[in-house]
C-alpha atoms as a PDB file:
ATOM      1  CA  MET A   1     -16.165   3.091  -4.005  1.00  0.00           C
ATOM      2  CA  MET A   2     -14.255   5.967  -5.559  1.00  0.00           C
ATOM      3  CA  PRO A   3     -15.756   9.511  -5.506  1.00  0.00           C
ATOM      4  CA  PHE A   4     -17.529  10.188  -8.806  1.00  0.00           C
ATOM      5  CA  LEU A   5     -15.370  13.077 -10.031  1.00  0.00           C
ATOM      6  CA  ALA A   6     -12.141  11.314  -9.044  1.00  0.00           C
ATOM      7  CA  ARG A   7     -12.831   8.783 -11.809  1.00  0.00           C
ATOM      8  CA  PHE A   8     -12.105  11.502 -14.363  1.00  0.00           C
ATOM      9  CA  ARG A   9      -8.826  12.632 -12.761  1.00  0.00           C
ATOM     10  CA  ALA A  10      -6.609  11.129 -15.474  1.00  0.00           C
ATOM     11  CA  ILE A  11      -8.614  12.918 -18.170  1.00  0.00           C
ATOM     12  CA  TYR A  12      -8.506  16.305 -16.463  1.00  0.00           C
ATOM     13  CA  GLU A  13      -4.776  15.956 -15.745  1.00  0.00           C
ATOM     14  CA  GLU A  14      -4.115  15.308 -19.430  1.00  0.00           C
ATOM     15  CA  ARG A  15      -6.376  18.149 -20.609  1.00  0.00           C
ATOM     16  CA  SER A  16      -4.783  20.621 -18.171  1.00  0.00           C
ATOM     17  CA  LEU A  17      -1.200  20.038 -19.355  1.00  0.00           C
ATOM     18  CA  PRO A  18      -1.370  22.812 -22.017  1.00  0.00           C
ATOM     19  CA  LEU A  19      -2.362  25.263 -19.273  1.00  0.00           C
ATOM     20  CA  GLY A  20       0.647  24.123 -17.284  1.00  0.00           C
ATOM     21  CA  ARG A  21       2.926  24.836 -20.229  1.00  0.00           C
ATOM     22  CA  VAL A  22       1.446  28.337 -20.525  1.00  0.00           C
ATOM     23  CA  CYS A  23       2.180  28.950 -16.840  1.00  0.00           C
ATOM     24  CA  MET A  24       5.759  27.779 -17.381  1.00  0.00           C
ATOM     25  CA  ARG A  25       6.225  30.240 -20.234  1.00  0.00           C
ATOM     26  CA  LEU A  26       4.906  32.989 -17.970  1.00  0.00           C
ATOM     27  CA  GLY A  27       7.500  32.068 -15.358  1.00  0.00           C
ATOM     28  CA  LEU A  28       4.988  30.777 -12.820  1.00  0.00           C
ATOM     29  CA  THR A  29       6.118  27.963 -10.542  1.00  0.00           C
ATOM     30  CA  PRO A  30       3.863  25.313  -8.984  1.00  0.00           C
ATOM     31  CA  ASP A  31       4.611  26.575  -5.463  1.00  0.00           C
ATOM     32  CA  ALA A  32       3.790  30.151  -6.461  1.00  0.00           C
ATOM     33  CA  LEU A  33       0.424  28.994  -7.802  1.00  0.00           C
ATOM     34  CA  THR A  34      -0.192  27.030  -4.598  1.00  0.00           C
ATOM     35  CA  TYR A  35       0.419  30.160  -2.515  1.00  0.00           C
ATOM     36  CA  LEU A  36      -1.804  32.120  -4.900  1.00  0.00           C
ATOM     37  CA  SER A  37      -4.566  29.576  -4.255  1.00  0.00           C
ATOM     38  CA  LEU A  38      -4.083  30.064  -0.516  1.00  0.00           C
ATOM     39  CA  GLY A  39      -4.240  33.846  -0.823  1.00  0.00           C
ATOM     40  CA  LEU A  40      -7.401  33.644  -2.919  1.00  0.00           C
ATOM     41  CA  SER A  41      -9.008  31.393  -0.306  1.00  0.00           C
ATOM     42  CA  VAL A  42      -8.431  34.100   2.301  1.00  0.00           C
ATOM     43  CA  GLY A  43     -10.168  36.520  -0.050  1.00  0.00           C
ATOM     44  CA  ALA A  44     -13.017  34.054  -0.539  1.00  0.00           C
ATOM     45  CA  GLY A  45     -13.451  33.799   3.215  1.00  0.00           C
ATOM     46  CA  TYR A  46     -13.644  37.574   3.543  1.00  0.00           C
ATOM     47  CA  VAL A  47     -16.135  37.976   0.698  1.00  0.00           C
ATOM     48  CA  LEU A  48     -18.332  35.214   2.101  1.00  0.00           C
ATOM     49  CA  SER A  49     -18.197  36.706   5.601  1.00  0.00           C
ATOM     50  CA  ARG A  50     -19.804  39.849   4.166  1.00  0.00           C
ATOM     51  CA  GLY A  51     -22.620  37.808   2.663  1.00  0.00           C
ATOM     52  CA  TRP A  52     -21.569  38.431  -0.938  1.00  0.00           C
ATOM     53  CA  PHE A  53     -22.195  34.868  -2.014  1.00  0.00           C
ATOM     54  CA  ALA A  54     -22.108  35.352  -5.789  1.00  0.00           C
ATOM     55  CA  TRP A  55     -18.713  37.018  -5.537  1.00  0.00           C
ATOM     56  CA  GLY A  56     -17.694  34.300  -3.106  1.00  0.00           C
ATOM     57  CA  VAL A  57     -18.451  31.651  -5.714  1.00  0.00           C
ATOM     58  CA  ALA A  58     -16.350  33.557  -8.263  1.00  0.00           C
ATOM     59  CA  VAL A  59     -13.362  33.666  -5.919  1.00  0.00           C
ATOM     60  CA  ILE A  60     -13.808  29.982  -4.955  1.00  0.00           C
ATOM     61  CA  LEU A  61     -13.671  29.118  -8.660  1.00  0.00           C
ATOM     62  CA  LEU A  62     -10.422  31.086  -8.923  1.00  0.00           C
ATOM     63  CA  VAL A  63      -9.097  29.110  -5.961  1.00  0.00           C
ATOM     64  CA  GLY A  64      -9.948  25.918  -7.821  1.00  0.00           C
ATOM     65  CA  LEU A  65      -8.336  27.202 -11.009  1.00  0.00           C
ATOM     66  CA  ALA A  66      -5.085  28.038  -9.212  1.00  0.00           C
ATOM     67  CA  ASP A  67      -5.184  24.604  -7.595  1.00  0.00           C
ATOM     68  CA  VAL A  68      -5.532  22.953 -11.013  1.00  0.00           C
ATOM     69  CA  LEU A  69      -2.760  25.079 -12.502  1.00  0.00           C
ATOM     70  CA  ASP A  70      -0.196  24.273  -9.830  1.00  0.00           C
ATOM     71  CA  GLY A  71      -0.521  20.552 -10.493  1.00  0.00           C
ATOM     72  CA  ALA A  72      -0.593  21.042 -14.260  1.00  0.00           C
ATOM     73  CA  THR A  73       2.533  23.201 -14.124  1.00  0.00           C
ATOM     74  CA  ALA A  74       4.363  20.645 -12.003  1.00  0.00           C
ATOM     75  CA  ARG A  75       3.470  17.849 -14.427  1.00  0.00           C
ATOM     76  CA  ALA A  76       4.299  19.906 -17.515  1.00  0.00           C
ATOM     77  CA  GLY A  77       7.717  20.852 -16.168  1.00  0.00           C
ATOM     78  CA  GLY A  78       8.478  17.516 -14.557  1.00  0.00           C
ATOM     79  CA  THR A  79       8.961  19.307 -11.229  1.00  0.00           C
ATOM     80  CA  ALA A  80       6.415  17.394  -9.164  1.00  0.00           C
ATOM     81  CA  SER A  81       7.864  16.603  -5.748  1.00  0.00           C
ATOM     82  CA  GLU A  82       6.825  15.028  -2.471  1.00  0.00           C
ATOM     83  CA  TYR A  83       7.138  18.393  -0.728  1.00  0.00           C
ATOM     84  CA  GLY A  84       4.957  20.023  -3.363  1.00  0.00           C
ATOM     85  CA  THR A  85       2.293  17.393  -2.745  1.00  0.00           C
ATOM     86  CA  VAL A  86       2.413  18.010   1.009  1.00  0.00           C
ATOM     87  CA  LEU A  87       2.285  21.787   0.494  1.00  0.00           C
ATOM     88  CA  ASP A  88      -0.702  21.419  -1.825  1.00  0.00           C
ATOM     89  CA  HIS A  89      -2.604  19.267   0.671  1.00  0.00           C
ATOM     90  CA  VAL A  90      -1.875  21.620   3.563  1.00  0.00           C
ATOM     91  CA  THR A  91      -3.001  24.706   1.656  1.00  0.00           C
ATOM     92  CA  ASP A  92      -6.156  22.865   0.576  1.00  0.00           C
ATOM     93  CA  ARG A  93      -7.052  22.289   4.232  1.00  0.00           C
ATOM     94  CA  TYR A  94      -6.398  25.943   5.047  1.00  0.00           C
ATOM     95  CA  ALA A  95      -8.541  26.947   2.088  1.00  0.00           C
ATOM     96  CA  GLU A  96     -11.434  24.849   3.383  1.00  0.00           C
ATOM     97  CA  ALA A  97     -11.075  26.434   6.813  1.00  0.00           C
ATOM     98  CA  PHE A  98     -11.020  29.989   5.418  1.00  0.00           C
ATOM     99  CA  ILE A  99     -14.021  29.400   3.160  1.00  0.00           C
ATOM    100  CA  LEU A 100     -16.162  27.709   5.807  1.00  0.00           C
ATOM    101  CA  GLY A 101     -15.013  30.261   8.364  1.00  0.00           C
ATOM    102  CA  GLY A 102     -16.280  33.019   6.104  1.00  0.00           C
ATOM    103  CA  ILE A 103     -19.651  31.313   5.833  1.00  0.00           C
ATOM    104  CA  MET A 104     -19.814  30.974   9.604  1.00  0.00           C
ATOM    105  CA  LEU A 105     -19.043  34.681  10.060  1.00  0.00           C
ATOM    106  CA  SER A 106     -21.787  35.591   7.593  1.00  0.00           C
ATOM    107  CA  GLY A 107     -24.335  34.420  10.167  1.00  0.00           C
ATOM    108  CA  VAL A 108     -26.387  32.548   7.596  1.00  0.00           C
ATOM    109  CA  VAL A 109     -25.464  29.103   8.936  1.00  0.00           C
ATOM    110  CA  GLU A 110     -25.290  28.173  12.603  1.00  0.00           C
ATOM    111  CA  PRO A 111     -21.647  27.895  13.768  1.00  0.00           C
ATOM    112  CA  GLY A 112     -22.177  24.381  15.115  1.00  0.00           C
ATOM    113  CA  TRP A 113     -23.111  23.049  11.694  1.00  0.00           C
ATOM    114  CA  VAL A 114     -20.172  24.815  10.046  1.00  0.00           C
ATOM    115  CA  LEU A 115     -17.807  23.202  12.556  1.00  0.00           C
ATOM    116  CA  PHE A 116     -19.517  19.863  11.958  1.00  0.00           C
ATOM    117  CA  ALA A 117     -18.798  20.179   8.225  1.00  0.00           C
ATOM    118  CA  LEU A 118     -15.256  21.467   8.706  1.00  0.00           C
ATOM    119  CA  VAL A 119     -14.274  18.660  11.082  1.00  0.00           C
ATOM    120  CA  GLY A 120     -15.733  16.122   8.673  1.00  0.00           C
ATOM    121  CA  MET A 121     -13.774  17.527   5.730  1.00  0.00           C
ATOM    122  CA  LEU A 122     -10.551  17.595   7.739  1.00  0.00           C
ATOM    123  CA  MET A 123     -11.015  14.062   9.058  1.00  0.00           C
ATOM    124  CA  ALA A 124     -11.779  12.615   5.624  1.00  0.00           C
ATOM    125  CA  SER A 125      -8.533  14.132   4.346  1.00  0.00           C
ATOM    126  CA  TYR A 126      -6.604  13.097   7.457  1.00  0.00           C
ATOM    127  CA  VAL A 127      -7.637   9.449   7.233  1.00  0.00           C
ATOM    128  CA  ARG A 128      -6.572   9.340   3.593  1.00  0.00           C
ATOM    129  CA  ALA A 129      -3.219  10.978   4.348  1.00  0.00           C
ATOM    130  CA  ARG A 130      -2.441   8.658   7.244  1.00  0.00           C
ATOM    131  CA  ALA A 131      -3.472   5.586   5.262  1.00  0.00           C
ATOM    132  CA  GLU A 132      -1.251   6.493   2.328  1.00  0.00           C
ATOM    133  CA  ALA A 133       1.595   7.394   4.716  1.00  0.00           C
ATOM    134  CA  THR A 134       1.850   3.716   5.666  1.00  0.00           C
ATOM    135  CA  HIS A 135       3.239   3.147   2.128  1.00  0.00           C
ATOM    136  CA  LYS A 136       1.137  -0.009   2.011  1.00  0.00           C
ATOM    137  CA  ILE A 137      -1.832   1.706   0.349  1.00  0.00           C
ATOM    138  CA  VAL A 138      -1.158   3.446  -2.947  1.00  0.00           C
ATOM    139  CA  SER A 139      -4.359   5.484  -2.867  1.00  0.00           C
ATOM    140  CA  CYS A 140      -7.066   5.846  -0.260  1.00  0.00           C
ATOM    141  CA  ASN A 141      -9.157   8.140  -2.444  1.00  0.00           C
ATOM    142  CA  VAL A 142     -12.312   6.166  -1.766  1.00  0.00           C
ATOM    143  CA  GLY A 143     -15.650   6.965  -0.209  1.00  0.00           C
ATOM    144  CA  PHE A 144     -18.917   8.707  -0.800  1.00  0.00           C
ATOM    145  CA  ALA A 145     -17.609  12.169  -1.658  1.00  0.00           C
ATOM    146  CA  GLY A 146     -14.230  13.719  -2.423  1.00  0.00           C
ATOM    147  CA  ARG A 147     -13.163  17.344  -2.146  1.00  0.00           C
ATOM    148  CA  GLN A 148     -14.517  18.247  -5.586  1.00  0.00           C
ATOM    149  CA  GLU A 149     -17.988  16.882  -4.852  1.00  0.00           C
ATOM    150  CA  LYS A 150     -18.164  18.776  -1.564  1.00  0.00           C
ATOM    151  CA  LEU A 151     -17.001  22.036  -3.110  1.00  0.00           C
ATOM    152  CA  GLY A 152     -19.557  21.567  -5.873  1.00  0.00           C
ATOM    153  CA  LEU A 153     -22.296  21.130  -3.287  1.00  0.00           C
ATOM    154  CA  LEU A 154     -21.082  24.224  -1.451  1.00  0.00           C
ATOM    155  CA  ILE A 155     -21.108  26.308  -4.628  1.00  0.00           C
ATOM    156  CA  LEU A 156     -24.622  25.095  -5.412  1.00  0.00           C
ATOM    157  CA  GLY A 157     -25.796  26.125  -1.961  1.00  0.00           C
ATOM    158  CA  LEU A 158     -24.168  29.555  -2.274  1.00  0.00           C
ATOM    159  CA  LEU A 159     -25.789  30.191  -5.652  1.00  0.00           C
ATOM    160  CA  LEU A 160     -29.258  28.990  -4.710  1.00  0.00           C
ATOM    161  CA  HIS A 161     -29.465  30.566  -1.268  1.00  0.00           C
ATOM    162  CA  PRO A 162     -30.100  34.165  -2.467  1.00  0.00           C
ATOM    163  CA  LEU A 163     -32.709  32.909  -4.944  1.00  0.00           C
ATOM    164  CA  PHE A 164     -34.721  30.967  -2.352  1.00  0.00           C
ATOM    165  CA  PRO A 165     -33.854  32.555   1.003  1.00  0.00           C
ATOM    166  CA  GLN A 166     -36.960  31.106   2.643  1.00  0.00           C
ATOM    167  CA  PHE A 167     -35.487  27.595   2.360  1.00  0.00           C
ATOM    168  CA  ASN A 168     -32.037  28.501   3.725  1.00  0.00           C
ATOM    169  CA  LEU A 169     -30.432  26.168   1.188  1.00  0.00           C
ATOM    170  CA  LEU A 170     -26.891  27.083   2.214  1.00  0.00           C
ATOM    171  CA  HIS A 171     -27.661  25.790   5.710  1.00  0.00           C
ATOM    172  CA  TRP A 172     -28.772  22.446   4.291  1.00  0.00           C
ATOM    173  CA  ALA A 173     -25.813  22.319   1.906  1.00  0.00           C
ATOM    174  CA  ILE A 174     -23.414  22.707   4.841  1.00  0.00           C
ATOM    175  CA  ILE A 175     -25.187  19.926   6.735  1.00  0.00           C
ATOM    176  CA  ALA A 176     -25.043  17.683   3.656  1.00  0.00           C
ATOM    177  CA  ILE A 177     -21.314  18.401   3.278  1.00  0.00           C
ATOM    178  CA  GLY A 178     -20.755  17.493   6.910  1.00  0.00           C
ATOM    179  CA  VAL A 179     -22.696  14.241   6.670  1.00  0.00           C
ATOM    180  CA  ALA A 180     -20.984  13.253   3.403  1.00  0.00           C
ATOM    181  CA  SER A 181     -17.558  14.083   4.851  1.00  0.00           C
ATOM    182  CA  HIS A 182     -18.017  12.036   8.018  1.00  0.00           C
ATOM    183  CA  ILE A 183     -19.381   9.106   6.022  1.00  0.00           C
ATOM    184  CA  THR A 184     -16.352   9.331   3.717  1.00  0.00           C
ATOM    185  CA  ALA A 185     -13.974   9.397   6.688  1.00  0.00           C
ATOM    186  CA  VAL A 186     -15.544   6.197   8.069  1.00  0.00           C
ATOM    187  CA  GLN A 187     -15.473   4.548   4.637  1.00  0.00           C
ATOM    188  CA  ARG A 188     -11.786   5.368   4.245  1.00  0.00           C
ATOM    189  CA  LEU A 189     -11.028   4.040   7.709  1.00  0.00           C
ATOM    190  CA  ARG A 190     -12.837   0.785   6.919  1.00  0.00           C
ATOM    191  CA  TYR A 191     -11.001   0.509   3.595  1.00  0.00           C
ATOM    192  CA  THR A 192      -7.692   1.044   5.385  1.00  0.00           C
ATOM    193  CA  ARG A 193      -8.537  -1.686   7.877  1.00  0.00           C
ATOM    194  CA  GLN A 194      -9.416  -4.080   5.083  1.00  0.00           C
ATOM    195  CA  MET A 195      -6.164  -3.348   3.267  1.00  0.00           C
ATOM    196  CA  LEU A 196      -3.898  -3.509   6.327  1.00  0.00           C
ATOM    197  CA  VAL A 197      -5.495  -5.775   8.912  1.00  0.00           C
ATOM    198  CA  GLY A 198      -7.126  -8.003   6.307  1.00  0.00           C
ATOM    199  CA  ALA A 199      -3.833  -8.376   4.446  1.00  0.00           C
ATOM    200  CA  ASN A 200      -2.026  -9.307   7.682  1.00  0.00           C
ATOM    201  CA  ASP A 201      -4.679 -11.907   8.533  1.00  0.00           C
ATOM    202  CA  HIS A 202      -4.334 -13.373   5.054  1.00  0.00           C
ATOM    203  CA  ARG A 203      -0.532 -13.626   5.433  1.00  0.00           C
ATOM    204  CA  ASP A 204      -0.883 -15.265   8.845  1.00  0.00           C
ATOM    205  CA  LEU A 205      -3.203 -17.903   7.413  1.00  0.00           C
ATOM    206  CA  SER A 206      -0.911 -18.485   4.457  1.00  0.00           C
ATOM    207  CA  GLN A 207       2.111 -18.917   6.701  1.00  0.00           C
ATOM    208  CA  GLY A 208       0.256 -21.285   8.999  1.00  0.00           C
ATOM    209  CA  SER A 209      -1.218 -23.418   6.249  1.00  0.00           C
ATOM    210  CA  GLY A 210       1.990 -25.386   5.810  1.00  0.00           C
ATOM    211  CA  VAL A 211       2.224 -26.472   9.463  1.00  0.00           C
ATOM    212  CA  ALA A 212       1.469 -30.180   9.869  1.00  0.00           C
END
């Protein structure tokens, strides 16, 4: 099962190409935009740590925009590289840590639940990276929720929390993100096992079927 928003990746990549061309004309490189995304995530963490959740959402959206632009610029200029992909993934993990760290410092959500969510997000990404690093799985972007779904849930919690403080919706959003992330990590691990171990078992049977 592929995350819902990942199904529209091809469409968004095509629609974002004109933005990439604009960035090229402005002299912006994909790596520069990646570092900009990282810097904005530090700012998002600070704003969230002060409890300014509406401003935090605005900065998180800017983080997402910079993340979209770096990929669009790389595709528009034909400069996509393996290192750029690694750099993008690493900065994404740092961004998640800064943002969730800011929420933890705000005191609105118990630190244990924030760590629960952060570990889940990191492990879901780690399983995918390790699976694809085998070069036997083209894409391990499967599971209940991808990064976009989890960030969307986080933004929803940040926006609704000040409106209904009695329900502590941000607390529940963080728990939901953690649960979804850990489920996704397990789903990706199972998918990897099916693709690798299952494929090996199938080859063994095929090779042995000709023995009289």
